[in-house]
Amino acid sequence: MKVSGFSFVRNAVKLDYPVVESIMSILPMVEEFVISVGKSDDGTLEMIRALNEPKIKIIESIWDDSLRSGGRVLAVETDKALAAIDPKSDWAFYIQADEIVHEQYHTPLRKAMAQHLENPKVEGLLLHYHHFYGSYDYVGDSRKWYRNEIRIIRNIPGMHSFRDAQGFRINNKLIHVKQTDGWMYHYGWVKPPDIQQRKHIEFNKLWHSDDWVKKNIPETESCDYSKIDSLKKFEGSHPKVMKKRIQQKNWNFDFDPTKKDFGLKARILHLIEQKTGWRPGEYKNYIKI
């Protein structure tokens, strides 16, 4: 069984993406790792080259910043990396530049890929998600955060990234997936507040016009992490590759997990989910089998 990893990134230094940690977290599980590096002005390409890892294959890319509708450029860049993996690979493991795989899931995820290798009905595998917010001590637990996502796909014709690179399709059709026991650690909302605000502005430019961004994104120097509906304390351990980054954290964020900023309907739905594990009306961009 051969597995390729793939990802894309641009301006990882300026926007403080843990892309090095992301790559290193998946490298033990794959035979190669393809990363499409968009033209950057902050040394991102040099940083990844400096890893000097023989498994890593870098392709250089120019992003089409006119593809703002629905964040389409993100899917286009994902597909560039996917197209560059070894055609002999059985599985393709996708990871975004702010996602990390905990080392405790390396073996279970490889086993899941081996288990379903000979069953072509299984076109992808789902991972659970921890979405860290504000600091490394809290995770989002409201309906605004997706609970599962496709991160392992078969390397077959017609497979492509969908919309804003949130999931995958085969010739625009939903793919059939199995749930794994693995968890993805998403750190996209854990940055110094000033950099988080900068990232928030740049990220919205992938969806909207400059005028829209000026009208709708507050012109503040730092992100106000307190404006969140619900968080819970994270009780587990972080991936080893994140140890240094966590130790270097230089801002404070404290939150009362009992605080719930919900309207009546959202509060009822949240209580149902907490009591039963069922999320009424949950969006699923896949068919679970």
C-alpha atoms as a PDB file:
ATOM      1  CA  MET A   1       0.000   0.000   0.000  1.00  0.00           C
ATOM      2  CA  LYS A   2       1.377   3.365  -1.009  1.00  0.00           C
ATOM      3  CA  VAL A   3       0.164   6.623   0.536  1.00  0.00           C
ATOM      4  CA  SER A   4       0.922  10.165  -0.624  1.00  0.00           C
ATOM      5  CA  GLY A   5       0.366  13.278   1.447  1.00  0.00           C
ATOM      6  CA  PHE A   6      -0.532  16.600  -0.139  1.00  0.00           C
ATOM      7  CA  SER A   7      -1.201  20.214   0.799  1.00  0.00           C
ATOM      8  CA  PHE A   8      -0.822  23.832  -0.311  1.00  0.00           C
ATOM      9  CA  VAL A   9       0.269  27.073   1.337  1.00  0.00           C
ATOM     10  CA  ARG A  10       1.103  30.715   0.722  1.00  0.00           C
ATOM     11  CA  ASN A  11       2.644  33.334   3.044  1.00  0.00           C
ATOM     12  CA  ALA A  12       2.907  30.887   5.929  1.00  0.00           C
ATOM     13  CA  VAL A  13       5.505  32.988   7.758  1.00  0.00           C
ATOM     14  CA  LYS A  14       3.579  36.267   7.619  1.00  0.00           C
ATOM     15  CA  LEU A  15       0.309  34.616   8.622  1.00  0.00           C
ATOM     16  CA  ASP A  16       1.906  32.269  11.173  1.00  0.00           C
ATOM     17  CA  TYR A  17       0.697  28.991   9.718  1.00  0.00           C
ATOM     18  CA  PRO A  18       2.214  25.938  11.456  1.00  0.00           C
ATOM     19  CA  VAL A  19       2.895  24.423   8.052  1.00  0.00           C
ATOM     20  CA  VAL A  20       6.249  22.913   9.065  1.00  0.00           C
ATOM     21  CA  GLU A  21       4.597  21.150  11.994  1.00  0.00           C
ATOM     22  CA  SER A  22       1.752  20.126   9.703  1.00  0.00           C
ATOM     23  CA  ILE A  23       4.085  18.485   7.203  1.00  0.00           C
ATOM     24  CA  MET A  24       6.176  16.783   9.863  1.00  0.00           C
ATOM     25  CA  SER A  25       3.077  15.426  11.595  1.00  0.00           C
ATOM     26  CA  ILE A  26       2.025  13.431   8.548  1.00  0.00           C
ATOM     27  CA  LEU A  27       5.411  12.512   7.092  1.00  0.00           C
ATOM     28  CA  PRO A  28       5.771   9.186   9.018  1.00  0.00           C
ATOM     29  CA  MET A  29       2.505   7.937   7.478  1.00  0.00           C
ATOM     30  CA  VAL A  30       3.294   8.630   3.819  1.00  0.00           C
ATOM     31  CA  GLU A  31       5.811   7.608   1.193  1.00  0.00           C
ATOM     32  CA  GLU A  32       5.856  11.083  -0.324  1.00  0.00           C
ATOM     33  CA  PHE A  33       4.461  14.505   0.513  1.00  0.00           C
ATOM     34  CA  VAL A  34       3.538  16.979  -2.222  1.00  0.00           C
ATOM     35  CA  ILE A  35       3.087  20.617  -1.286  1.00  0.00           C
ATOM     36  CA  SER A  36       2.093  23.359  -3.665  1.00  0.00           C
ATOM     37  CA  VAL A  37       3.704  26.601  -2.511  1.00  0.00           C
ATOM     38  CA  GLY A  38       2.086  29.767  -3.795  1.00  0.00           C
ATOM     39  CA  LYS A  39       4.293  32.726  -4.653  1.00  0.00           C
ATOM     40  CA  SER A  40       4.975  34.360  -1.288  1.00  0.00           C
ATOM     41  CA  ASP A  41       6.768  37.446  -0.060  1.00  0.00           C
ATOM     42  CA  ASP A  42       7.882  36.137   3.331  1.00  0.00           C
ATOM     43  CA  GLY A  43      10.279  33.228   2.776  1.00  0.00           C
ATOM     44  CA  THR A  44       7.688  30.438   2.863  1.00  0.00           C
ATOM     45  CA  LEU A  45       9.293  28.532  -0.003  1.00  0.00           C
ATOM     46  CA  GLU A  46      12.753  28.783   1.561  1.00  0.00           C
ATOM     47  CA  MET A  47      11.409  27.619   4.920  1.00  0.00           C
ATOM     48  CA  ILE A  48       9.959  24.447   3.426  1.00  0.00           C
ATOM     49  CA  ARG A  49      13.041  23.805   1.313  1.00  0.00           C
ATOM     50  CA  ALA A  50      15.141  24.063   4.457  1.00  0.00           C
ATOM     51  CA  LEU A  51      13.409  20.985   5.879  1.00  0.00           C
ATOM     52  CA  ASN A  52      15.572  19.021   3.451  1.00  0.00           C
ATOM     53  CA  GLU A  53      13.322  15.983   3.687  1.00  0.00           C
ATOM     54  CA  PRO A  54      13.642  13.521   0.781  1.00  0.00           C
ATOM     55  CA  LYS A  55       9.940  12.629   0.967  1.00  0.00           C
ATOM     56  CA  ILE A  56       8.871  16.221   0.306  1.00  0.00           C
ATOM     57  CA  LYS A  57       8.125  17.273  -3.266  1.00  0.00           C
ATOM     58  CA  ILE A  58       7.621  21.021  -3.752  1.00  0.00           C
ATOM     59  CA  ILE A  59       5.750  22.505  -6.675  1.00  0.00           C
ATOM     60  CA  GLU A  60       5.658  26.261  -7.116  1.00  0.00           C
ATOM     61  CA  SER A  61       2.392  27.949  -7.950  1.00  0.00           C
ATOM     62  CA  ILE A  62       0.881  31.312  -8.825  1.00  0.00           C
ATOM     63  CA  TRP A  63      -2.530  31.802  -7.238  1.00  0.00           C
ATOM     64  CA  ASP A  64      -5.358  33.225  -9.311  1.00  0.00           C
ATOM     65  CA  ASP A  65      -6.641  35.842  -6.863  1.00  0.00           C
ATOM     66  CA  SER A  66      -9.597  36.589  -9.124  1.00  0.00           C
ATOM     67  CA  LEU A  67     -11.201  33.288  -8.066  1.00  0.00           C
ATOM     68  CA  ARG A  68     -12.898  34.829  -5.030  1.00  0.00           C
ATOM     69  CA  SER A  69     -16.376  33.397  -5.381  1.00  0.00           C
ATOM     70  CA  GLY A  70     -16.802  30.860  -2.586  1.00  0.00           C
ATOM     71  CA  GLY A  71     -13.058  30.647  -1.941  1.00  0.00           C
ATOM     72  CA  ARG A  72     -12.628  28.726  -5.191  1.00  0.00           C
ATOM     73  CA  VAL A  73      -8.889  29.422  -5.382  1.00  0.00           C
ATOM     74  CA  LEU A  74      -8.334  27.136  -2.374  1.00  0.00           C
ATOM     75  CA  ALA A  75      -9.820  24.161  -4.209  1.00  0.00           C
ATOM     76  CA  VAL A  76      -7.797  24.976  -7.326  1.00  0.00           C
ATOM     77  CA  GLU A  77      -4.564  24.987  -5.330  1.00  0.00           C
ATOM     78  CA  THR A  78      -5.546  21.755  -3.581  1.00  0.00           C
ATOM     79  CA  ASP A  79      -6.115  20.098  -6.940  1.00  0.00           C
ATOM     80  CA  LYS A  80      -2.689  21.220  -8.170  1.00  0.00           C
ATOM     81  CA  ALA A  81      -1.038  19.318  -5.325  1.00  0.00           C
ATOM     82  CA  LEU A  82      -3.321  16.294  -5.764  1.00  0.00           C
ATOM     83  CA  ALA A  83      -2.486  16.115  -9.477  1.00  0.00           C
ATOM     84  CA  ALA A  84       1.241  15.982  -8.673  1.00  0.00           C
ATOM     85  CA  ILE A  85       1.209  12.918  -6.411  1.00  0.00           C
ATOM     86  CA  ASP A  86       2.523   9.570  -7.610  1.00  0.00           C
ATOM     87  CA  PRO A  87      -0.158   7.940  -9.826  1.00  0.00           C
ATOM     88  CA  LYS A  88       0.779   4.607  -8.239  1.00  0.00           C
ATOM     89  CA  SER A  89      -0.340   5.746  -4.779  1.00  0.00           C
ATOM     90  CA  ASP A  90      -3.434   4.015  -3.431  1.00  0.00           C
ATOM     91  CA  TRP A  91      -4.464   6.725  -0.981  1.00  0.00           C
ATOM     92  CA  ALA A  92      -3.921  10.483  -0.801  1.00  0.00           C
ATOM     93  CA  PHE A  93      -3.814  12.053   2.663  1.00  0.00           C
ATOM     94  CA  TYR A  94      -4.813  15.715   2.571  1.00  0.00           C
ATOM     95  CA  ILE A  95      -3.808  18.117   5.323  1.00  0.00           C
ATOM     96  CA  GLN A  96      -4.202  21.876   5.406  1.00  0.00           C
ATOM     97  CA  ALA A  97      -1.433  24.184   6.620  1.00  0.00           C
ATOM     98  CA  ASP A  98      -3.036  24.782  10.022  1.00  0.00           C
ATOM     99  CA  GLU A  99      -3.901  21.128  10.707  1.00  0.00           C
ATOM    100  CA  ILE A 100      -1.816  18.605  12.637  1.00  0.00           C
ATOM    101  CA  VAL A 101      -2.095  14.833  13.035  1.00  0.00           C
ATOM    102  CA  HIS A 102      -1.304  13.629  16.555  1.00  0.00           C
ATOM    103  CA  GLU A 103       1.304  10.859  16.506  1.00  0.00           C
ATOM    104  CA  GLN A 104      -1.018   8.562  18.470  1.00  0.00           C
ATOM    105  CA  TYR A 105      -3.160   8.231  15.333  1.00  0.00           C
ATOM    106  CA  HIS A 106      -0.412   7.283  12.894  1.00  0.00           C
ATOM    107  CA  THR A 107      -0.848   3.535  13.340  1.00  0.00           C
ATOM    108  CA  PRO A 108      -4.681   3.523  13.530  1.00  0.00           C
ATOM    109  CA  LEU A 109      -4.966   5.604  10.353  1.00  0.00           C
ATOM    110  CA  ARG A 110      -2.553   3.404   8.409  1.00  0.00           C
ATOM    111  CA  LYS A 111      -4.547   0.388   9.599  1.00  0.00           C
ATOM    112  CA  ALA A 112      -7.801   1.990   8.435  1.00  0.00           C
ATOM    113  CA  MET A 113      -6.337   2.578   4.976  1.00  0.00           C
ATOM    114  CA  ALA A 114      -5.106  -1.030   4.809  1.00  0.00           C
ATOM    115  CA  GLN A 115      -8.467  -2.334   6.051  1.00  0.00           C
ATOM    116  CA  HIS A 116     -10.430  -0.622   3.276  1.00  0.00           C
ATOM    117  CA  LEU A 117      -7.812  -0.884   0.531  1.00  0.00           C
ATOM    118  CA  GLU A 118      -9.520  -3.722  -1.332  1.00  0.00           C
ATOM    119  CA  ASN A 119     -13.031  -2.307  -1.006  1.00  0.00           C
ATOM    120  CA  PRO A 120     -13.529   0.175  -3.863  1.00  0.00           C
ATOM    121  CA  LYS A 121     -16.867   1.248  -2.387  1.00  0.00           C
ATOM    122  CA  VAL A 122     -14.890   3.139   0.259  1.00  0.00           C
ATOM    123  CA  GLU A 123     -13.725   6.228  -1.594  1.00  0.00           C
ATOM    124  CA  GLY A 124     -12.577   8.262   1.396  1.00  0.00           C
ATOM    125  CA  LEU A 125     -12.019   8.263   5.131  1.00  0.00           C
ATOM    126  CA  LEU A 126     -13.279  10.713   7.742  1.00  0.00           C
ATOM    127  CA  LEU A 127     -11.357  12.170  10.658  1.00  0.00           C
ATOM    128  CA  HIS A 128     -12.849  13.732  13.783  1.00  0.00           C
ATOM    129  CA  TYR A 129     -11.822  17.321  14.591  1.00  0.00           C
ATOM    130  CA  HIS A 130     -10.548  19.376  17.506  1.00  0.00           C
ATOM    131  CA  HIS A 131     -10.867  23.092  16.639  1.00  0.00           C
ATOM    132  CA  PHE A 132      -8.638  25.087  18.982  1.00  0.00           C
ATOM    133  CA  TYR A 133      -9.634  28.667  19.628  1.00  0.00           C
ATOM    134  CA  GLY A 134      -7.950  31.596  21.360  1.00  0.00           C
ATOM    135  CA  SER A 135      -5.316  29.430  23.001  1.00  0.00           C
ATOM    136  CA  TYR A 136      -4.175  25.844  23.088  1.00  0.00           C
ATOM    137  CA  ASP A 137      -6.421  25.201  26.096  1.00  0.00           C
ATOM    138  CA  TYR A 138      -9.866  25.571  24.519  1.00  0.00           C
ATOM    139  CA  VAL A 139     -11.766  23.972  21.645  1.00  0.00           C
ATOM    140  CA  GLY A 140     -14.963  25.024  19.945  1.00  0.00           C
ATOM    141  CA  ASP A 141     -17.986  22.914  20.823  1.00  0.00           C
ATOM    142  CA  SER A 142     -20.848  24.725  19.118  1.00  0.00           C
ATOM    143  CA  ARG A 143     -22.560  24.017  15.803  1.00  0.00           C
ATOM    144  CA  LYS A 144     -20.355  26.536  13.984  1.00  0.00           C
ATOM    145  CA  TRP A 145     -17.494  24.012  13.972  1.00  0.00           C
ATOM    146  CA  TYR A 146     -17.581  20.966  11.692  1.00  0.00           C
ATOM    147  CA  ARG A 147     -17.127  17.700  13.583  1.00  0.00           C
ATOM    148  CA  ASN A 148     -15.746  15.495  10.793  1.00  0.00           C
ATOM    149  CA  GLU A 149     -14.102  15.970   7.427  1.00  0.00           C
ATOM    150  CA  ILE A 150     -12.694  13.925   4.573  1.00  0.00           C
ATOM    151  CA  ARG A 151      -8.925  13.902   4.755  1.00  0.00           C
ATOM    152  CA  ILE A 152      -7.995  10.591   3.138  1.00  0.00           C
ATOM    153  CA  ILE A 153      -9.150   9.867  -0.407  1.00  0.00           C
ATOM    154  CA  ARG A 154      -8.568   7.218  -3.024  1.00  0.00           C
ATOM    155  CA  ASN A 155      -6.155   8.252  -5.732  1.00  0.00           C
ATOM    156  CA  ILE A 156      -8.567   7.643  -8.589  1.00  0.00           C
ATOM    157  CA  PRO A 157      -9.646   9.534 -11.727  1.00  0.00           C
ATOM    158  CA  GLY A 158     -12.280  12.188 -11.200  1.00  0.00           C
ATOM    159  CA  MET A 159     -11.409  12.925  -7.576  1.00  0.00           C
ATOM    160  CA  HIS A 160     -11.227  16.660  -6.958  1.00  0.00           C
ATOM    161  CA  SER A 161     -11.459  19.318  -4.271  1.00  0.00           C
ATOM    162  CA  PHE A 162     -14.871  20.874  -3.735  1.00  0.00           C
ATOM    163  CA  ARG A 163     -15.909  24.523  -3.289  1.00  0.00           C
ATOM    164  CA  ASP A 164     -13.387  26.113  -0.872  1.00  0.00           C
ATOM    165  CA  ALA A 165     -11.313  22.947  -0.323  1.00  0.00           C
ATOM    166  CA  GLN A 166     -13.508  21.745   2.510  1.00  0.00           C
ATOM    167  CA  GLY A 167     -14.159  18.315   1.027  1.00  0.00           C
ATOM    168  CA  PHE A 168     -13.866  16.190  -2.106  1.00  0.00           C
ATOM    169  CA  ARG A 169     -16.041  14.921  -4.931  1.00  0.00           C
ATOM    170  CA  ILE A 170     -15.746  12.416  -7.742  1.00  0.00           C
ATOM    171  CA  ASN A 171     -16.912  14.142 -10.899  1.00  0.00           C
ATOM    172  CA  ASN A 172     -18.979  16.516  -8.727  1.00  0.00           C
ATOM    173  CA  LYS A 173     -20.726  13.648  -6.917  1.00  0.00           C
ATOM    174  CA  LEU A 174     -20.609  12.988  -3.168  1.00  0.00           C
ATOM    175  CA  ILE A 175     -18.079  10.337  -2.234  1.00  0.00           C
ATOM    176  CA  HIS A 176     -18.690   7.308  -0.011  1.00  0.00           C
ATOM    177  CA  VAL A 177     -16.666   7.329   3.184  1.00  0.00           C
ATOM    178  CA  LYS A 178     -15.936   5.416   6.370  1.00  0.00           C
ATOM    179  CA  GLN A 179     -15.337   7.034   9.746  1.00  0.00           C
ATOM    180  CA  THR A 180     -11.934   6.482  11.345  1.00  0.00           C
ATOM    181  CA  ASP A 181     -10.895   6.743  14.995  1.00  0.00           C
ATOM    182  CA  GLY A 182      -8.364   9.436  14.078  1.00  0.00           C
ATOM    183  CA  TRP A 183      -8.572  13.095  15.071  1.00  0.00           C
ATOM    184  CA  MET A 184      -7.291  16.147  13.267  1.00  0.00           C
ATOM    185  CA  TYR A 185      -6.028  19.039  15.407  1.00  0.00           C
ATOM    186  CA  HIS A 186      -7.008  22.328  13.786  1.00  0.00           C
ATOM    187  CA  TYR A 187      -5.006  25.355  15.003  1.00  0.00           C
ATOM    188  CA  GLY A 188      -6.302  27.961  12.572  1.00  0.00           C
ATOM    189  CA  TRP A 189      -7.758  30.095  15.379  1.00  0.00           C
ATOM    190  CA  VAL A 190      -4.715  30.016  17.657  1.00  0.00           C
ATOM    191  CA  LYS A 191      -2.326  32.822  16.747  1.00  0.00           C
ATOM    192  CA  PRO A 192      -1.091  36.054  18.342  1.00  0.00           C
ATOM    193  CA  PRO A 193      -4.145  38.360  18.205  1.00  0.00           C
ATOM    194  CA  ASP A 194      -2.519  40.828  15.816  1.00  0.00           C
ATOM    195  CA  ILE A 195      -1.548  38.099  13.355  1.00  0.00           C
ATOM    196  CA  GLN A 196      -4.965  36.480  13.699  1.00  0.00           C
ATOM    197  CA  GLN A 197      -6.583  39.753  12.681  1.00  0.00           C
ATOM    198  CA  ARG A 198      -4.227  40.025   9.696  1.00  0.00           C
ATOM    199  CA  LYS A 199      -5.043  36.453   8.693  1.00  0.00           C
ATOM    200  CA  HIS A 200      -8.765  37.146   9.091  1.00  0.00           C
ATOM    201  CA  ILE A 201      -8.508  40.022   6.616  1.00  0.00           C
ATOM    202  CA  GLU A 202      -6.381  38.119   4.089  1.00  0.00           C
ATOM    203  CA  PHE A 203      -8.567  35.029   4.342  1.00  0.00           C
ATOM    204  CA  ASN A 204     -11.752  36.974   3.638  1.00  0.00           C
ATOM    205  CA  LYS A 205     -10.129  38.390   0.513  1.00  0.00           C
ATOM    206  CA  LEU A 206     -10.240  34.852  -0.881  1.00  0.00           C
ATOM    207  CA  TRP A 207     -14.041  35.026  -0.786  1.00  0.00           C
ATOM    208  CA  HIS A 208     -14.941  38.700  -1.148  1.00  0.00           C
ATOM    209  CA  SER A 209     -13.974  41.921  -2.902  1.00  0.00           C
ATOM    210  CA  ASP A 210     -11.655  44.437  -1.265  1.00  0.00           C
ATOM    211  CA  ASP A 211     -14.628  46.786  -0.811  1.00  0.00           C
ATOM    212  CA  TRP A 212     -16.597  44.080   1.000  1.00  0.00           C
ATOM    213  CA  VAL A 213     -13.672  43.390   3.311  1.00  0.00           C
ATOM    214  CA  LYS A 214     -13.298  47.089   4.152  1.00  0.00           C
ATOM    215  CA  LYS A 215     -17.000  47.378   4.969  1.00  0.00           C
ATOM    216  CA  ASN A 216     -17.376  44.158   6.950  1.00  0.00           C
ATOM    217  CA  ILE A 217     -14.082  43.414   8.691  1.00  0.00           C
ATOM    218  CA  PRO A 218     -13.318  45.697  11.652  1.00  0.00           C
ATOM    219  CA  GLU A 219     -10.182  47.812  11.294  1.00  0.00           C
ATOM    220  CA  THR A 220      -8.610  46.770  14.573  1.00  0.00           C
ATOM    221  CA  GLU A 221      -5.016  45.913  15.406  1.00  0.00           C
ATOM    222  CA  SER A 222      -5.848  42.596  17.030  1.00  0.00           C
ATOM    223  CA  CYS A 223      -8.505  39.900  16.991  1.00  0.00           C
ATOM    224  CA  ASP A 224     -11.030  39.979  19.836  1.00  0.00           C
ATOM    225  CA  TYR A 225     -11.092  36.330  20.858  1.00  0.00           C
ATOM    226  CA  SER A 226     -13.824  36.967  23.451  1.00  0.00           C
ATOM    227  CA  LYS A 227     -16.492  37.132  20.729  1.00  0.00           C
ATOM    228  CA  ILE A 228     -17.261  33.409  20.608  1.00  0.00           C
ATOM    229  CA  ASP A 229     -20.447  31.523  21.398  1.00  0.00           C
ATOM    230  CA  SER A 230     -19.147  28.456  23.234  1.00  0.00           C
ATOM    231  CA  LEU A 231     -15.882  26.724  24.127  1.00  0.00           C
ATOM    232  CA  LYS A 232     -14.851  23.827  26.304  1.00  0.00           C
ATOM    233  CA  LYS A 233     -11.598  23.039  28.042  1.00  0.00           C
ATOM    234  CA  PHE A 234      -9.286  20.751  26.083  1.00  0.00           C
ATOM    235  CA  GLU A 235      -8.343  17.791  28.268  1.00  0.00           C
ATOM    236  CA  GLY A 236      -6.022  15.831  25.990  1.00  0.00           C
ATOM    237  CA  SER A 237      -2.404  16.150  24.870  1.00  0.00           C
ATOM    238  CA  HIS A 238      -1.085  18.084  21.919  1.00  0.00           C
ATOM    239  CA  PRO A 239       0.980  16.534  19.111  1.00  0.00           C
ATOM    240  CA  LYS A 240       4.699  16.440  19.874  1.00  0.00           C
ATOM    241  CA  VAL A 241       5.510  18.539  16.806  1.00  0.00           C
ATOM    242  CA  MET A 242       3.571  21.416  18.401  1.00  0.00           C
ATOM    243  CA  LYS A 243       5.520  21.424  21.665  1.00  0.00           C
ATOM    244  CA  LYS A 244       7.930  24.236  20.767  1.00  0.00           C
ATOM    245  CA  ARG A 245       5.224  26.446  19.248  1.00  0.00           C
ATOM    246  CA  ILE A 246       3.023  26.041  22.319  1.00  0.00           C
ATOM    247  CA  GLN A 247       5.915  26.889  24.641  1.00  0.00           C
ATOM    248  CA  GLN A 248       6.532  30.103  22.693  1.00  0.00           C
ATOM    249  CA  LYS A 249       2.943  31.359  23.071  1.00  0.00           C
ATOM    250  CA  ASN A 250       3.165  34.999  24.197  1.00  0.00           C
ATOM    251  CA  TRP A 251      -0.427  36.162  24.690  1.00  0.00           C
ATOM    252  CA  ASN A 252      -3.119  35.421  27.245  1.00  0.00           C
ATOM    253  CA  PHE A 253      -6.631  34.192  26.630  1.00  0.00           C
ATOM    254  CA  ASP A 254      -8.828  33.006  29.442  1.00  0.00           C
ATOM    255  CA  PHE A 255     -12.409  31.895  28.990  1.00  0.00           C
ATOM    256  CA  ASP A 256     -15.253  30.712  31.179  1.00  0.00           C
ATOM    257  CA  PRO A 257     -16.492  27.465  29.552  1.00  0.00           C
ATOM    258  CA  THR A 258     -19.830  27.825  31.340  1.00  0.00           C
ATOM    259  CA  LYS A 259     -20.502  30.966  29.287  1.00  0.00           C
ATOM    260  CA  LYS A 260     -22.839  30.215  26.364  1.00  0.00           C
ATOM    261  CA  ASP A 261     -23.710  33.046  24.007  1.00  0.00           C
ATOM    262  CA  PHE A 262     -26.676  31.385  22.299  1.00  0.00           C
ATOM    263  CA  GLY A 263     -30.121  32.375  21.186  1.00  0.00           C
ATOM    264  CA  LEU A 264     -32.985  30.132  22.303  1.00  0.00           C
ATOM    265  CA  LYS A 265     -32.967  27.851  19.238  1.00  0.00           C
ATOM    266  CA  ALA A 266     -29.176  27.462  19.259  1.00  0.00           C
ATOM    267  CA  ARG A 267     -29.222  26.737  23.007  1.00  0.00           C
ATOM    268  CA  ILE A 268     -31.804  23.966  22.561  1.00  0.00           C
ATOM    269  CA  LEU A 269     -29.879  22.410  19.663  1.00  0.00           C
ATOM    270  CA  HIS A 270     -26.645  22.614  21.657  1.00  0.00           C
ATOM    271  CA  LEU A 271     -28.242  20.851  24.630  1.00  0.00           C
ATOM    272  CA  ILE A 272     -29.586  18.097  22.374  1.00  0.00           C
ATOM    273  CA  GLU A 273     -26.119  17.525  20.946  1.00  0.00           C
ATOM    274  CA  GLN A 274     -24.430  17.523  24.343  1.00  0.00           C
ATOM    275  CA  LYS A 275     -26.934  15.018  25.736  1.00  0.00           C
ATOM    276  CA  THR A 276     -27.258  12.658  22.764  1.00  0.00           C
ATOM    277  CA  GLY A 277     -24.315  13.268  20.412  1.00  0.00           C
ATOM    278  CA  TRP A 278     -26.815  13.962  17.624  1.00  0.00           C
ATOM    279  CA  ARG A 279     -26.522  17.247  15.732  1.00  0.00           C
ATOM    280  CA  PRO A 280     -29.893  18.004  14.105  1.00  0.00           C
ATOM    281  CA  GLY A 281     -29.550  19.318  10.561  1.00  0.00           C
ATOM    282  CA  GLU A 282     -25.790  18.710  10.415  1.00  0.00           C
ATOM    283  CA  TYR A 283     -24.266  19.450   7.017  1.00  0.00           C
ATOM    284  CA  LYS A 284     -22.431  16.445   5.561  1.00  0.00           C
ATOM    285  CA  ASN A 285     -20.615  16.741   2.270  1.00  0.00           C
ATOM    286  CA  TYR A 286     -20.204  12.973   1.929  1.00  0.00           C
ATOM    287  CA  ILE A 287     -22.165   9.717   2.116  1.00  0.00           C
ATOM    288  CA  LYS A 288     -21.260   7.700   5.185  1.00  0.00           C
ATOM    289  CA  ILE A 289     -21.278   3.926   4.737  1.00  0.00           C
END
